[in-house]
């Protein structure tokens, strides 16, 4: 049985594909956060958000190489 997922592509400025965020149906866990160099699967919303922010290089100057 296959489950539909929701895929979102996030970026900064004109670069819209720096982070890919996939969710389960209805935006529910599990969350998959991917960049060119990192991949994280989690059911924790805060961890998924932190990974997305790090992948975008936002906040404290993190980069895609620094996903939790």
PDB file of N, CA and C in Angstrom:
ATOM      1  N   UNK A   1       0.843  -1.174   0.000  1.00  0.00           N
ATOM      2  CA  UNK A   1       0.000   0.000   0.000  1.00  0.00           C
ATOM      3  C   UNK A   1       0.888   1.238   0.000  1.00  0.00           C
ATOM      4  N   UNK A   2       0.613   2.165  -0.872  1.00  0.00           N
ATOM      5  CA  UNK A   2       1.432   3.372  -0.938  1.00  0.00           C
ATOM      6  C   UNK A   2       0.713   4.531  -0.274  1.00  0.00           C
ATOM      7  N   UNK A   3       1.501   5.403   0.309  1.00  0.00           N
ATOM      8  CA  UNK A   3       0.956   6.584   0.980  1.00  0.00           C
ATOM      9  C   UNK A   3       1.338   7.818   0.178  1.00  0.00           C
ATOM     10  N   UNK A   4       0.385   8.690  -0.032  1.00  0.00           N
ATOM     11  CA  UNK A   4       0.665   9.949  -0.716  1.00  0.00           C
ATOM     12  C   UNK A   4       1.497  10.835   0.206  1.00  0.00           C
ATOM     13  N   UNK A   5       2.411  11.568  -0.372  1.00  0.00           N
ATOM     14  CA  UNK A   5       3.208  12.505   0.409  1.00  0.00           C
ATOM     15  C   UNK A   5       3.048  13.892  -0.173  1.00  0.00           C
ATOM     16  N   UNK A   6       3.435  14.837   0.615  1.00  0.00           N
ATOM     17  CA  UNK A   6       3.456  16.232   0.180  1.00  0.00           C
ATOM     18  C   UNK A   6       4.910  16.640   0.073  1.00  0.00           C
ATOM     19  N   UNK A   7       5.316  17.185  -1.049  1.00  0.00           N
ATOM     20  CA  UNK A   7       6.693  17.609  -1.257  1.00  0.00           C
ATOM     21  C   UNK A   7       6.730  19.122  -1.404  1.00  0.00           C
ATOM     22  N   UNK A   8       7.643  19.742  -0.670  1.00  0.00           N
ATOM     23  CA  UNK A   8       7.825  21.188  -0.707  1.00  0.00           C
ATOM     24  C   UNK A   8       9.284  21.460  -1.016  1.00  0.00           C
ATOM     25  N   UNK A   9       9.536  22.431  -1.875  1.00  0.00           N
ATOM     26  CA  UNK A   9      10.890  22.819  -2.226  1.00  0.00           C
ATOM     27  C   UNK A   9      11.104  24.232  -1.703  1.00  0.00           C
ATOM     28  N   UNK A  10      12.068  24.380  -0.813  1.00  0.00           N
ATOM     29  CA  UNK A  10      12.315  25.653  -0.139  1.00  0.00           C
ATOM     30  C   UNK A  10      13.635  26.232  -0.601  1.00  0.00           C
ATOM     31  N   UNK A  11      13.716  27.545  -0.620  1.00  0.00           N
ATOM     32  CA  UNK A  11      14.955  28.194  -1.011  1.00  0.00           C
ATOM     33  C   UNK A  11      15.002  29.617  -0.519  1.00  0.00           C
ATOM     34  N   UNK A  12      16.052  30.285  -0.920  1.00  0.00           N
ATOM     35  CA  UNK A  12      16.276  31.674  -0.543  1.00  0.00           C
ATOM     36  C   UNK A  12      16.463  32.464  -1.828  1.00  0.00           C
ATOM     37  N   UNK A  13      15.760  33.574  -1.939  1.00  0.00           N
ATOM     38  CA  UNK A  13      15.874  34.395  -3.144  1.00  0.00           C
ATOM     39  C   UNK A  13      15.382  33.637  -4.360  1.00  0.00           C
ATOM     40  N   UNK A  14      16.198  33.590  -5.397  1.00  0.00           N
ATOM     41  CA  UNK A  14      15.796  32.920  -6.630  1.00  0.00           C
ATOM     42  C   UNK A  14      16.181  31.440  -6.649  1.00  0.00           C
ATOM     43  N   UNK A  15      16.868  30.975  -5.608  1.00  0.00           N
ATOM     44  CA  UNK A  15      17.255  29.562  -5.519  1.00  0.00           C
ATOM     45  C   UNK A  15      16.177  28.851  -4.713  1.00  0.00           C
ATOM     46  N   UNK A  16      15.246  28.186  -5.413  1.00  0.00           N
ATOM     47  CA  UNK A  16      14.076  27.630  -4.740  1.00  0.00           C
ATOM     48  C   UNK A  16      14.184  26.159  -4.390  1.00  0.00           C
ATOM     49  N   UNK A  17      15.294  25.514  -4.674  1.00  0.00           N
ATOM     50  CA  UNK A  17      15.364  24.082  -4.432  1.00  0.00           C
ATOM     51  C   UNK A  17      16.510  23.699  -3.496  1.00  0.00           C
ATOM     52  N   UNK A  18      16.826  24.522  -2.531  1.00  0.00           N
ATOM     53  CA  UNK A  18      17.925  24.217  -1.614  1.00  0.00           C
ATOM     54  C   UNK A  18      17.550  23.142  -0.609  1.00  0.00           C
ATOM     55  N   UNK A  19      16.271  23.101  -0.200  1.00  0.00           N
ATOM     56  CA  UNK A  19      15.802  22.115   0.772  1.00  0.00           C
ATOM     57  C   UNK A  19      14.513  21.499   0.248  1.00  0.00           C
ATOM     58  N   UNK A  20      14.447  20.181   0.308  1.00  0.00           N
ATOM     59  CA  UNK A  20      13.206  19.491  -0.027  1.00  0.00           C
ATOM     60  C   UNK A  20      12.638  18.941   1.268  1.00  0.00           C
ATOM     61  N   UNK A  21      11.359  19.234   1.525  1.00  0.00           N
ATOM     62  CA  UNK A  21      10.674  18.752   2.719  1.00  0.00           C
ATOM     63  C   UNK A  21       9.493  17.914   2.268  1.00  0.00           C
ATOM     64  N   UNK A  22       9.496  16.656   2.669  1.00  0.00           N
ATOM     65  CA  UNK A  22       8.378  15.757   2.366  1.00  0.00           C
ATOM     66  C   UNK A  22       7.667  15.435   3.672  1.00  0.00           C
ATOM     67  N   UNK A  23       6.346  15.359   3.607  1.00  0.00           N
ATOM     68  CA  UNK A  23       5.556  15.006   4.784  1.00  0.00           C
ATOM     69  C   UNK A  23       4.616  13.863   4.428  1.00  0.00           C
ATOM     70  N   UNK A  24       4.064  13.261   5.457  1.00  0.00           N
ATOM     71  CA  UNK A  24       3.025  12.270   5.257  1.00  0.00           C
ATOM     72  C   UNK A  24       1.739  12.968   4.849  1.00  0.00           C
ATOM     73  N   UNK A  25       0.682  12.213   4.666  1.00  0.00           N
ATOM     74  CA  UNK A  25      -0.611  12.790   4.286  1.00  0.00           C
ATOM     75  C   UNK A  25      -1.060  13.861   5.278  1.00  0.00           C
ATOM     76  N   UNK A  26      -1.572  14.953   4.746  1.00  0.00           N
ATOM     77  CA  UNK A  26      -2.068  16.029   5.590  1.00  0.00           C
ATOM     78  C   UNK A  26      -0.989  16.774   6.348  1.00  0.00           C
ATOM     79  N   UNK A  27       0.271  16.673   5.901  1.00  0.00           N
ATOM     80  CA  UNK A  27       1.362  17.365   6.574  1.00  0.00           C
ATOM     81  C   UNK A  27       1.808  16.705   7.864  1.00  0.00           C
ATOM     82  N   UNK A  28       1.399  15.474   8.074  1.00  0.00           N
ATOM     83  CA  UNK A  28       1.726  14.749   9.300  1.00  0.00           C
ATOM     84  C   UNK A  28       3.074  14.043   9.175  1.00  0.00           C
ATOM     85  N   UNK A  29       3.672  13.651  10.319  1.00  0.00           N
ATOM     86  CA  UNK A  29       4.922  12.886  10.288  1.00  0.00           C
ATOM     87  C   UNK A  29       4.723  11.566   9.561  1.00  0.00           C
ATOM     88  N   UNK A  30       5.817  10.982   9.098  1.00  0.00           N
ATOM     89  CA  UNK A  30       7.201  11.406   9.270  1.00  0.00           C
ATOM     90  C   UNK A  30       7.555  12.518   8.295  1.00  0.00           C
ATOM     91  N   UNK A  31       8.599  13.252   8.649  1.00  0.00           N
ATOM     92  CA  UNK A  31       9.112  14.338   7.826  1.00  0.00           C
ATOM     93  C   UNK A  31      10.450  13.903   7.249  1.00  0.00           C
ATOM     94  N   UNK A  32      10.669  14.186   5.990  1.00  0.00           N
ATOM     95  CA  UNK A  32      11.947  13.933   5.334  1.00  0.00           C
ATOM     96  C   UNK A  32      12.481  15.277   4.879  1.00  0.00           C
ATOM     97  N   UNK A  33      13.664  15.637   5.367  1.00  0.00           N
ATOM     98  CA  UNK A  33      14.311  16.900   4.993  1.00  0.00           C
ATOM     99  C   UNK A  33      15.578  16.528   4.242  1.00  0.00           C
ATOM    100  N   UNK A  34      15.707  17.022   2.999  1.00  0.00           N
ATOM    101  CA  UNK A  34      16.873  16.692   2.180  1.00  0.00           C
ATOM    102  C   UNK A  34      17.498  17.937   1.574  1.00  0.00           C
ATOM    103  N   UNK A  35      18.818  17.917   1.505  1.00  0.00           N
ATOM    104  CA  UNK A  35      19.583  18.902   0.746  1.00  0.00           C
ATOM    105  C   UNK A  35      20.491  18.112  -0.184  1.00  0.00           C
ATOM    106  N   UNK A  36      21.350  18.799  -0.926  1.00  0.00           N
ATOM    107  CA  UNK A  36      22.276  18.093  -1.814  1.00  0.00           C
ATOM    108  C   UNK A  36      23.203  17.162  -1.053  1.00  0.00           C
ATOM    109  N   UNK A  37      23.476  17.490   0.215  1.00  0.00           N
ATOM    110  CA  UNK A  37      24.487  16.719   0.946  1.00  0.00           C
ATOM    111  C   UNK A  37      23.972  16.016   2.197  1.00  0.00           C
ATOM    112  N   UNK A  38      22.723  16.241   2.590  1.00  0.00           N
ATOM    113  CA  UNK A  38      22.228  15.659   3.837  1.00  0.00           C
ATOM    114  C   UNK A  38      20.801  15.157   3.689  1.00  0.00           C
ATOM    115  N   UNK A  39      20.453  14.201   4.552  1.00  0.00           N
ATOM    116  CA  UNK A  39      19.102  13.637   4.560  1.00  0.00           C
ATOM    117  C   UNK A  39      18.722  13.338   6.001  1.00  0.00           C
ATOM    118  N   UNK A  40      17.529  13.760   6.423  1.00  0.00           N
ATOM    119  CA  UNK A  40      17.041  13.522   7.778  1.00  0.00           C
ATOM    120  C   UNK A  40      15.605  13.050   7.715  1.00  0.00           C
ATOM    121  N   UNK A  41      15.302  11.960   8.412  1.00  0.00           N
ATOM    122  CA  UNK A  41      13.931  11.487   8.577  1.00  0.00           C
ATOM    123  C   UNK A  41      13.615  11.590  10.060  1.00  0.00           C
ATOM    124  N   UNK A  42      12.510  12.279  10.396  1.00  0.00           N
ATOM    125  CA  UNK A  42      12.146  12.478  11.787  1.00  0.00           C
ATOM    126  C   UNK A  42      10.634  12.603  11.922  1.00  0.00           C
ATOM    127  N   UNK A  43      10.147  12.315  13.109  1.00  0.00           N
ATOM    128  CA  UNK A  43       8.739  12.555  13.432  1.00  0.00           C
ATOM    129  C   UNK A  43       8.588  13.778  14.317  1.00  0.00           C
ATOM    130  N   UNK A  44       9.700  14.416  14.655  1.00  0.00           N
ATOM    131  CA  UNK A  44       9.712  15.573  15.541  1.00  0.00           C
ATOM    132  C   UNK A  44       9.650  16.865  14.718  1.00  0.00           C
ATOM    133  N   UNK A  45       8.595  17.655  14.927  1.00  0.00           N
ATOM    134  CA  UNK A  45       8.396  18.889  14.166  1.00  0.00           C
ATOM    135  C   UNK A  45       9.562  19.851  14.363  1.00  0.00           C
ATOM    136  N   UNK A  46       9.987  20.054  15.613  1.00  0.00           N
ATOM    137  CA  UNK A  46      11.072  20.999  15.902  1.00  0.00           C
ATOM    138  C   UNK A  46      12.368  20.583  15.212  1.00  0.00           C
ATOM    139  N   UNK A  47      12.650  19.295  15.182  1.00  0.00           N
ATOM    140  CA  UNK A  47      13.858  18.808  14.526  1.00  0.00           C
ATOM    141  C   UNK A  47      13.783  19.029  13.013  1.00  0.00           C
ATOM    142  N   UNK A  48      12.605  18.796  12.426  1.00  0.00           N
ATOM    143  CA  UNK A  48      12.427  19.023  10.992  1.00  0.00           C
ATOM    144  C   UNK A  48      12.593  20.502  10.647  1.00  0.00           C
ATOM    145  N   UNK A  49      12.027  21.379  11.477  1.00  0.00           N
ATOM    146  CA  UNK A  49      12.156  22.816  11.241  1.00  0.00           C
ATOM    147  C   UNK A  49      13.619  23.241  11.360  1.00  0.00           C
ATOM    148  N   UNK A  50      14.305  22.765  12.398  1.00  0.00           N
ATOM    149  CA  UNK A  50      15.716  23.119  12.593  1.00  0.00           C
ATOM    150  C   UNK A  50      16.557  22.654  11.399  1.00  0.00           C
ATOM    151  N   UNK A  51      16.278  21.471  10.884  1.00  0.00           N
ATOM    152  CA  UNK A  51      17.023  20.969   9.730  1.00  0.00           C
ATOM    153  C   UNK A  51      16.748  21.811   8.493  1.00  0.00           C
ATOM    154  N   UNK A  52      15.500  22.213   8.307  1.00  0.00           N
ATOM    155  CA  UNK A  52      15.154  23.058   7.167  1.00  0.00           C
ATOM    156  C   UNK A  52      15.827  24.412   7.240  1.00  0.00           C
ATOM    157  N   UNK A  53      15.817  25.011   8.412  1.00  0.00           N
ATOM    158  CA  UNK A  53      16.472  26.308   8.613  1.00  0.00           C
ATOM    159  C   UNK A  53      17.973  26.187   8.375  1.00  0.00           C
ATOM    160  N   UNK A  54      18.584  25.128   8.906  1.00  0.00           N
ATOM    161  CA  UNK A  54      20.019  24.928   8.693  1.00  0.00           C
ATOM    162  C   UNK A  54      20.320  24.739   7.209  1.00  0.00           C
ATOM    163  N   UNK A  55      19.474  24.006   6.519  1.00  0.00           N
ATOM    164  CA  UNK A  55      19.678  23.778   5.092  1.00  0.00           C
ATOM    165  C   UNK A  55      19.559  25.034   4.262  1.00  0.00           C
ATOM    166  N   UNK A  56      18.776  25.975   4.730  1.00  0.00           N
ATOM    167  CA  UNK A  56      18.629  27.254   4.033  1.00  0.00           C
ATOM    168  C   UNK A  56      19.739  28.227   4.380  1.00  0.00           C
ATOM    169  N   UNK A  57      20.534  27.883   5.388  1.00  0.00           N
ATOM    170  CA  UNK A  57      21.613  28.766   5.795  1.00  0.00           C
ATOM    171  C   UNK A  57      21.112  29.950   6.576  1.00  0.00           C
ATOM    172  N   UNK A  58      19.918  29.832   7.171  1.00  0.00           N
ATOM    173  CA  UNK A  58      19.332  30.928   7.944  1.00  0.00           C
ATOM    174  C   UNK A  58      19.736  30.808   9.410  1.00  0.00           C
ATOM    175  N   UNK A  59      19.265  31.754  10.184  1.00  0.00           N
ATOM    176  CA  UNK A  59      19.516  31.703  11.627  1.00  0.00           C
ATOM    177  C   UNK A  59      20.929  32.098  11.952  1.00  0.00           C
ATOM    178  N   UNK A  60      21.684  31.181  12.570  1.00  0.00           N
ATOM    179  CA  UNK A  60      23.021  31.518  13.063  1.00  0.00           C
ATOM    180  C   UNK A  60      24.117  31.259  12.041  1.00  0.00           C
ATOM    181  N   UNK A  61      23.772  31.326  10.768  1.00  0.00           N
ATOM    182  CA  UNK A  61      24.799  31.192   9.741  1.00  0.00           C
ATOM    183  C   UNK A  61      25.063  29.758   9.343  1.00  0.00           C
ATOM    184  N   UNK A  62      24.155  28.844   9.660  1.00  0.00           N
ATOM    185  CA  UNK A  62      24.328  27.446   9.303  1.00  0.00           C
ATOM    186  C   UNK A  62      24.290  27.262   7.799  1.00  0.00           C
ATOM    187  N   UNK A  63      24.703  26.080   7.371  1.00  0.00           N
ATOM    188  CA  UNK A  63      24.651  25.774   5.951  1.00  0.00           C
ATOM    189  C   UNK A  63      24.045  24.405   5.759  1.00  0.00           C
ATOM    190  N   UNK A  64      23.844  24.011   4.534  1.00  0.00           N
ATOM    191  CA  UNK A  64      23.238  22.711   4.250  1.00  0.00           C
ATOM    192  C   UNK A  64      24.091  21.566   4.780  1.00  0.00           C
ATOM    193  N   UNK A  65      25.373  21.803   4.983  1.00  0.00           N
ATOM    194  CA  UNK A  65      26.248  20.756   5.500  1.00  0.00           C
ATOM    195  C   UNK A  65      26.068  20.535   6.990  1.00  0.00           C
ATOM    196  N   UNK A  66      25.263  21.356   7.645  1.00  0.00           N
ATOM    197  CA  UNK A  66      25.134  21.302   9.086  1.00  0.00           C
ATOM    198  C   UNK A  66      23.761  20.844   9.564  1.00  0.00           C
ATOM    199  N   UNK A  67      23.064  20.014   8.790  1.00  0.00           N
ATOM    200  CA  UNK A  67      21.785  19.505   9.244  1.00  0.00           C
ATOM    201  C   UNK A  67      21.994  18.695  10.500  1.00  0.00           C
ATOM    202  N   UNK A  68      21.058  18.799  11.461  1.00  0.00           N
ATOM    203  CA  UNK A  68      21.225  18.031  12.696  1.00  0.00           C
ATOM    204  C   UNK A  68      21.181  16.542  12.445  1.00  0.00           C
TER     205      UNK A  68
END
